[in-house]
PDB file of N, CA and C in Angstrom:
ATOM      1  N   UNK A   1      -6.279  18.930 -12.382  1.00  0.00           N
ATOM      2  CA  UNK A   1      -6.270  19.757 -11.201  1.00  0.00           C
ATOM      3  C   UNK A   1      -6.051  18.865  -9.985  1.00  0.00           C
ATOM      4  N   UNK A   2      -5.055  19.173  -9.187  1.00  0.00           N
ATOM      5  CA  UNK A   2      -4.754  18.399  -8.000  1.00  0.00           C
ATOM      6  C   UNK A   2      -5.472  19.008  -6.801  1.00  0.00           C
ATOM      7  N   UNK A   3      -6.328  18.220  -6.140  1.00  0.00           N
ATOM      8  CA  UNK A   3      -7.058  18.738  -4.988  1.00  0.00           C
ATOM      9  C   UNK A   3      -6.110  19.067  -3.832  1.00  0.00           C
ATOM     10  N   UNK A   4      -6.366  20.156  -3.157  1.00  0.00           N
ATOM     11  CA  UNK A   4      -5.574  20.568  -2.008  1.00  0.00           C
ATOM     12  C   UNK A   4      -6.536  21.088  -0.949  1.00  0.00           C
ATOM     13  N   UNK A   5      -6.222  21.189   0.267  1.00  0.00           N
ATOM     14  CA  UNK A   5      -5.010  20.781   0.965  1.00  0.00           C
ATOM     15  C   UNK A   5      -5.151  19.436   1.657  1.00  0.00           C
ATOM     16  N   UNK A   6      -6.086  18.619   1.259  1.00  0.00           N
ATOM     17  CA  UNK A   6      -6.327  17.352   1.933  1.00  0.00           C
ATOM     18  C   UNK A   6      -5.115  16.433   1.839  1.00  0.00           C
ATOM     19  N   UNK A   7      -4.818  15.702   2.924  1.00  0.00           N
ATOM     20  CA  UNK A   7      -3.656  14.804   2.903  1.00  0.00           C
ATOM     21  C   UNK A   7      -3.873  13.601   1.982  1.00  0.00           C
ATOM     22  N   UNK A   8      -2.781  13.076   1.481  1.00  0.00           N
ATOM     23  CA  UNK A   8      -2.792  11.916   0.594  1.00  0.00           C
ATOM     24  C   UNK A   8      -2.328  10.692   1.371  1.00  0.00           C
ATOM     25  N   UNK A   9      -2.874   9.535   1.030  1.00  0.00           N
ATOM     26  CA  UNK A   9      -2.538   8.263   1.675  1.00  0.00           C
ATOM     27  C   UNK A   9      -1.979   7.337   0.609  1.00  0.00           C
ATOM     28  N   UNK A  10      -0.809   6.733   0.894  1.00  0.00           N
ATOM     29  CA  UNK A  10      -0.205   5.808  -0.060  1.00  0.00           C
ATOM     30  C   UNK A  10      -0.879   4.444  -0.005  1.00  0.00           C
ATOM     31  N   UNK A  11      -0.939   3.806  -1.151  1.00  0.00           N
ATOM     32  CA  UNK A  11      -1.449   2.444  -1.231  1.00  0.00           C
ATOM     33  C   UNK A  11      -0.563   1.517  -0.413  1.00  0.00           C
ATOM     34  N   UNK A  12      -1.145   0.473   0.126  1.00  0.00           N
ATOM     35  CA  UNK A  12      -0.354  -0.510   0.871  1.00  0.00           C
ATOM     36  C   UNK A  12       0.595  -1.278  -0.042  1.00  0.00           C
ATOM     37  N   UNK A  13       0.382  -1.203  -1.355  1.00  0.00           N
ATOM     38  CA  UNK A  13       1.277  -1.847  -2.314  1.00  0.00           C
ATOM     39  C   UNK A  13       2.489  -0.989  -2.632  1.00  0.00           C
ATOM     40  N   UNK A  14       2.480   0.285  -2.229  1.00  0.00           N
ATOM     41  CA  UNK A  14       3.603   1.174  -2.491  1.00  0.00           C
ATOM     42  C   UNK A  14       4.758   0.816  -1.561  1.00  0.00           C
ATOM     43  N   UNK A  15       5.956   1.057  -2.033  1.00  0.00           N
ATOM     44  CA  UNK A  15       7.138   0.786  -1.214  1.00  0.00           C
ATOM     45  C   UNK A  15       8.117   1.939  -1.347  1.00  0.00           C
ATOM     46  N   UNK A  16       9.134   1.930  -0.529  1.00  0.00           N
ATOM     47  CA  UNK A  16      10.177   2.955  -0.586  1.00  0.00           C
ATOM     48  C   UNK A  16      11.037   2.803  -1.832  1.00  0.00           C
ATOM     49  N   UNK A  17      10.998   1.639  -2.475  1.00  0.00           N
ATOM     50  CA  UNK A  17      11.845   1.355  -3.631  1.00  0.00           C
ATOM     51  C   UNK A  17      11.205   1.764  -4.953  1.00  0.00           C
ATOM     52  N   UNK A  18      10.101   2.453  -4.918  1.00  0.00           N
ATOM     53  CA  UNK A  18       9.421   2.827  -6.156  1.00  0.00           C
ATOM     54  C   UNK A  18       8.336   1.819  -6.463  1.00  0.00           C
ATOM     55  N   UNK A  19       8.278   1.381  -7.697  1.00  0.00           N
ATOM     56  CA  UNK A  19       7.276   0.386  -8.069  1.00  0.00           C
ATOM     57  C   UNK A  19       5.918   1.010  -8.308  1.00  0.00           C
ATOM     58  N   UNK A  20       4.878   0.254  -8.062  1.00  0.00           N
ATOM     59  CA  UNK A  20       3.503   0.704  -8.300  1.00  0.00           C
ATOM     60  C   UNK A  20       3.042   1.578  -7.145  1.00  0.00           C
ATOM     61  N   UNK A  21       3.240   2.874  -7.272  1.00  0.00           N
ATOM     62  CA  UNK A  21       2.925   3.793  -6.181  1.00  0.00           C
ATOM     63  C   UNK A  21       1.697   4.627  -6.514  1.00  0.00           C
ATOM     64  N   UNK A  22       0.654   4.426  -5.736  1.00  0.00           N
ATOM     65  CA  UNK A  22      -0.601   5.149  -5.931  1.00  0.00           C
ATOM     66  C   UNK A  22      -0.996   5.766  -4.597  1.00  0.00           C
ATOM     67  N   UNK A  23      -1.507   6.996  -4.655  1.00  0.00           N
ATOM     68  CA  UNK A  23      -2.021   7.668  -3.468  1.00  0.00           C
ATOM     69  C   UNK A  23      -3.460   8.104  -3.726  1.00  0.00           C
ATOM     70  N   UNK A  24      -4.216   8.203  -2.655  1.00  0.00           N
ATOM     71  CA  UNK A  24      -5.560   8.740  -2.756  1.00  0.00           C
ATOM     72  C   UNK A  24      -5.810   9.631  -1.552  1.00  0.00           C
ATOM     73  N   UNK A  25      -6.853  10.446  -1.614  1.00  0.00           N
ATOM     74  CA  UNK A  25      -7.154  11.377  -0.535  1.00  0.00           C
ATOM     75  C   UNK A  25      -8.548  11.102   0.025  1.00  0.00           C
ATOM     76  N   UNK A  26      -8.615  10.310   1.097  1.00  0.00           N
ATOM     77  CA  UNK A  26      -9.925  10.004   1.672  1.00  0.00           C
ATOM     78  C   UNK A  26     -10.641  11.243   2.220  1.00  0.00           C
ATOM     79  N   UNK A  27      -9.887  12.204   2.751  1.00  0.00           N
ATOM     80  CA  UNK A  27     -10.525  13.415   3.289  1.00  0.00           C
ATOM     81  C   UNK A  27     -11.179  14.214   2.160  1.00  0.00           C
ATOM     82  N   UNK A  28     -10.524  14.289   1.009  1.00  0.00           N
ATOM     83  CA  UNK A  28     -11.113  14.985  -0.141  1.00  0.00           C
ATOM     84  C   UNK A  28     -12.369  14.248  -0.590  1.00  0.00           C
ATOM     85  N   UNK A  29     -12.294  12.916  -0.607  1.00  0.00           N
ATOM     86  CA  UNK A  29     -13.451  12.111  -1.021  1.00  0.00           C
ATOM     87  C   UNK A  29     -14.651  12.384  -0.120  1.00  0.00           C
ATOM     88  N   UNK A  30     -14.420  12.447   1.178  1.00  0.00           N
ATOM     89  CA  UNK A  30     -15.519  12.716   2.115  1.00  0.00           C
ATOM     90  C   UNK A  30     -16.061  14.127   1.959  1.00  0.00           C
ATOM     91  N   UNK A  31     -15.186  15.089   1.722  1.00  0.00           N
ATOM     92  CA  UNK A  31     -15.597  16.486   1.649  1.00  0.00           C
ATOM     93  C   UNK A  31     -16.260  16.850   0.323  1.00  0.00           C
ATOM     94  N   UNK A  32     -15.829  16.194  -0.772  1.00  0.00           N
ATOM     95  CA  UNK A  32     -16.275  16.635  -2.086  1.00  0.00           C
ATOM     96  C   UNK A  32     -17.026  15.584  -2.899  1.00  0.00           C
ATOM     97  N   UNK A  33     -17.051  14.345  -2.431  1.00  0.00           N
ATOM     98  CA  UNK A  33     -17.814  13.316  -3.131  1.00  0.00           C
ATOM     99  C   UNK A  33     -17.141  12.727  -4.353  1.00  0.00           C
ATOM    100  N   UNK A  34     -15.849  13.019  -4.550  1.00  0.00           N
ATOM    101  CA  UNK A  34     -15.063  12.389  -5.613  1.00  0.00           C
ATOM    102  C   UNK A  34     -13.764  11.899  -5.002  1.00  0.00           C
ATOM    103  N   UNK A  35     -13.251  10.790  -5.532  1.00  0.00           N
ATOM    104  CA  UNK A  35     -12.037  10.176  -5.003  1.00  0.00           C
ATOM    105  C   UNK A  35     -10.865  10.516  -5.918  1.00  0.00           C
ATOM    106  N   UNK A  36      -9.917  11.364  -5.451  1.00  0.00           N
ATOM    107  CA  UNK A  36      -8.754  11.679  -6.255  1.00  0.00           C
ATOM    108  C   UNK A  36      -7.668  10.612  -6.081  1.00  0.00           C
ATOM    109  N   UNK A  37      -7.045  10.236  -7.186  1.00  0.00           N
ATOM    110  CA  UNK A  37      -5.984   9.227  -7.181  1.00  0.00           C
ATOM    111  C   UNK A  37      -4.835   9.781  -8.012  1.00  0.00           C
ATOM    112  N   UNK A  38      -3.604   9.629  -7.514  1.00  0.00           N
ATOM    113  CA  UNK A  38      -2.438  10.147  -8.238  1.00  0.00           C
ATOM    114  C   UNK A  38      -1.241   9.212  -8.096  1.00  0.00           C
ATOM    115  N   UNK A  39      -0.250   9.445  -8.916  1.00  0.00           N
ATOM    116  CA  UNK A  39       1.023   8.732  -8.873  1.00  0.00           C
ATOM    117  C   UNK A  39       1.871   9.367  -7.775  1.00  0.00           C
ATOM    118  N   UNK A  40       2.245   8.606  -6.755  1.00  0.00           N
ATOM    119  CA  UNK A  40       2.996   9.185  -5.638  1.00  0.00           C
ATOM    120  C   UNK A  40       4.398   9.625  -6.038  1.00  0.00           C
ATOM    121  N   UNK A  41       4.892   9.130  -7.164  1.00  0.00           N
ATOM    122  CA  UNK A  41       6.220   9.561  -7.634  1.00  0.00           C
ATOM    123  C   UNK A  41       6.141  10.916  -8.327  1.00  0.00           C
ATOM    124  N   UNK A  42       4.931  11.411  -8.600  1.00  0.00           N
ATOM    125  CA  UNK A  42       4.721  12.692  -9.263  1.00  0.00           C
ATOM    126  C   UNK A  42       3.624  13.468  -8.524  1.00  0.00           C
ATOM    127  N   UNK A  43       3.895  13.883  -7.264  1.00  0.00           N
ATOM    128  CA  UNK A  43       2.847  14.498  -6.456  1.00  0.00           C
ATOM    129  C   UNK A  43       2.336  15.833  -7.000  1.00  0.00           C
ATOM    130  N   UNK A  44       3.083  16.487  -7.851  1.00  0.00           N
ATOM    131  CA  UNK A  44       2.626  17.742  -8.448  1.00  0.00           C
ATOM    132  C   UNK A  44       1.884  17.500  -9.759  1.00  0.00           C
ATOM    133  N   UNK A  45       1.848  16.245 -10.197  1.00  0.00           N
ATOM    134  CA  UNK A  45       1.176  15.894 -11.440  1.00  0.00           C
ATOM    135  C   UNK A  45      -0.329  15.831 -11.271  1.00  0.00           C
ATOM    136  N   UNK A  46      -1.016  15.413 -12.317  1.00  0.00           N
ATOM    137  CA  UNK A  46      -2.482  15.387 -12.278  1.00  0.00           C
ATOM    138  C   UNK A  46      -3.020  14.262 -11.389  1.00  0.00           C
ATOM    139  N   UNK A  47      -4.253  14.421 -10.995  1.00  0.00           N
ATOM    140  CA  UNK A  47      -4.968  13.388 -10.240  1.00  0.00           C
ATOM    141  C   UNK A  47      -6.170  12.950 -11.067  1.00  0.00           C
ATOM    142  N   UNK A  48      -6.429  11.665 -11.059  1.00  0.00           N
ATOM    143  CA  UNK A  48      -7.653  11.151 -11.666  1.00  0.00           C
ATOM    144  C   UNK A  48      -8.757  11.240 -10.619  1.00  0.00           C
ATOM    145  N   UNK A  49      -9.948  11.611 -11.042  1.00  0.00           N
ATOM    146  CA  UNK A  49     -11.065  11.749 -10.117  1.00  0.00           C
ATOM    147  C   UNK A  49     -12.107  10.673 -10.428  1.00  0.00           C
ATOM    148  N   UNK A  50     -12.503   9.926  -9.404  1.00  0.00           N
ATOM    149  CA  UNK A  50     -13.459   8.838  -9.556  1.00  0.00           C
ATOM    150  C   UNK A  50     -14.697   9.097  -8.712  1.00  0.00           C
ATOM    151  N   UNK A  51     -15.824   8.642  -9.208  1.00  0.00           N
ATOM    152  CA  UNK A  51     -17.024   8.596  -8.382  1.00  0.00           C
ATOM    153  C   UNK A  51     -16.768   7.540  -7.305  1.00  0.00           C
ATOM    154  N   UNK A  52     -17.258   7.740  -6.079  1.00  0.00           N
ATOM    155  CA  UNK A  52     -17.007   6.772  -5.015  1.00  0.00           C
ATOM    156  C   UNK A  52     -17.410   5.334  -5.379  1.00  0.00           C
ATOM    157  N   UNK A  53     -18.528   5.160  -6.070  1.00  0.00           N
ATOM    158  CA  UNK A  53     -18.969   3.800  -6.416  1.00  0.00           C
ATOM    159  C   UNK A  53     -17.996   3.143  -7.406  1.00  0.00           C
ATOM    160  N   UNK A  54     -17.457   3.924  -8.335  1.00  0.00           N
ATOM    161  CA  UNK A  54     -16.493   3.375  -9.297  1.00  0.00           C
ATOM    162  C   UNK A  54     -15.194   3.007  -8.597  1.00  0.00           C
ATOM    163  N   UNK A  55     -14.735   3.854  -7.687  1.00  0.00           N
ATOM    164  CA  UNK A  55     -13.498   3.567  -6.954  1.00  0.00           C
ATOM    165  C   UNK A  55     -13.686   2.324  -6.078  1.00  0.00           C
ATOM    166  N   UNK A  56     -14.822   2.224  -5.416  1.00  0.00           N
ATOM    167  CA  UNK A  56     -15.107   1.065  -4.571  1.00  0.00           C
ATOM    168  C   UNK A  56     -15.127  -0.223  -5.394  1.00  0.00           C
ATOM    169  N   UNK A  57     -15.754  -0.182  -6.558  1.00  0.00           N
ATOM    170  CA  UNK A  57     -15.802  -1.367  -7.423  1.00  0.00           C
ATOM    171  C   UNK A  57     -14.406  -1.755  -7.895  1.00  0.00           C
ATOM    172  N   UNK A  58     -13.572  -0.770  -8.207  1.00  0.00           N
ATOM    173  CA  UNK A  58     -12.202  -1.039  -8.630  1.00  0.00           C
ATOM    174  C   UNK A  58     -11.402  -1.695  -7.510  1.00  0.00           C
ATOM    175  N   UNK A  59     -11.470  -1.133  -6.306  1.00  0.00           N
ATOM    176  CA  UNK A  59     -10.736  -1.689  -5.163  1.00  0.00           C
ATOM    177  C   UNK A  59     -11.237  -3.098  -4.838  1.00  0.00           C
ATOM    178  N   UNK A  60     -12.544  -3.306  -4.879  1.00  0.00           N
ATOM    179  CA  UNK A  60     -13.105  -4.637  -4.644  1.00  0.00           C
ATOM    180  C   UNK A  60     -12.602  -5.626  -5.682  1.00  0.00           C
ATOM    181  N   UNK A  61     -12.532  -5.216  -6.948  1.00  0.00           N
ATOM    182  CA  UNK A  61     -12.003  -6.059  -7.998  1.00  0.00           C
ATOM    183  C   UNK A  61     -10.543  -6.409  -7.796  1.00  0.00           C
ATOM    184  N   UNK A  62      -9.749  -5.434  -7.343  1.00  0.00           N
ATOM    185  CA  UNK A  62      -8.341  -5.709  -7.046  1.00  0.00           C
ATOM    186  C   UNK A  62      -8.217  -6.748  -5.922  1.00  0.00           C
ATOM    187  N   UNK A  63      -8.992  -6.559  -4.877  1.00  0.00           N
ATOM    188  CA  UNK A  63      -8.933  -7.470  -3.738  1.00  0.00           C
ATOM    189  C   UNK A  63      -9.382  -8.879  -4.130  1.00  0.00           C
ATOM    190  N   UNK A  64     -10.264  -8.970  -5.104  1.00  0.00           N
ATOM    191  CA  UNK A  64     -10.763 -10.273  -5.548  1.00  0.00           C
ATOM    192  C   UNK A  64      -9.839 -10.915  -6.595  1.00  0.00           C
ATOM    193  N   UNK A  65      -8.788 -10.180  -6.987  1.00  0.00           N
ATOM    194  CA  UNK A  65      -7.839 -10.730  -7.964  1.00  0.00           C
ATOM    195  C   UNK A  65      -8.309 -10.601  -9.404  1.00  0.00           C
ATOM    196  N   UNK A  66      -9.266  -9.714  -9.661  1.00  0.00           N
ATOM    197  CA  UNK A  66      -9.777  -9.565 -11.020  1.00  0.00           C
ATOM    198  C   UNK A  66      -8.818  -8.812 -11.945  1.00  0.00           C
ATOM    199  N   UNK A  67      -7.886  -8.054 -11.353  1.00  0.00           N
ATOM    200  CA  UNK A  67      -6.918  -7.296 -12.139  1.00  0.00           C
ATOM    201  C   UNK A  67      -5.510  -7.705 -11.714  1.00  0.00           C
ATOM    202  N   UNK A  68      -4.592  -7.861 -12.653  1.00  0.00           N
ATOM    203  CA  UNK A  68      -3.214  -8.163 -12.247  1.00  0.00           C
ATOM    204  C   UNK A  68      -2.568  -6.945 -11.607  1.00  0.00           C
ATOM    205  N   UNK A  69      -1.777  -7.168 -10.587  1.00  0.00           N
ATOM    206  CA  UNK A  69      -1.045  -6.080  -9.928  1.00  0.00           C
ATOM    207  C   UNK A  69       0.442  -6.250 -10.103  1.00  0.00           C
TER     208      UNK A  69
END
């Protein structure tokens, strides 16, 4: 289920040329307490829903270089 009508924000790693494109909806996260994440190349496709603490830990791990990008 794709959350609506909250706006989606593209990852800073996304580019106009495709590649690793991820979007999330901070407004949905604030309103509903779950962080939706989707593939920006498939905006009508499904969204993964994360608990805020899990999403924060994932982003922190990415920033620390724990996961290859």
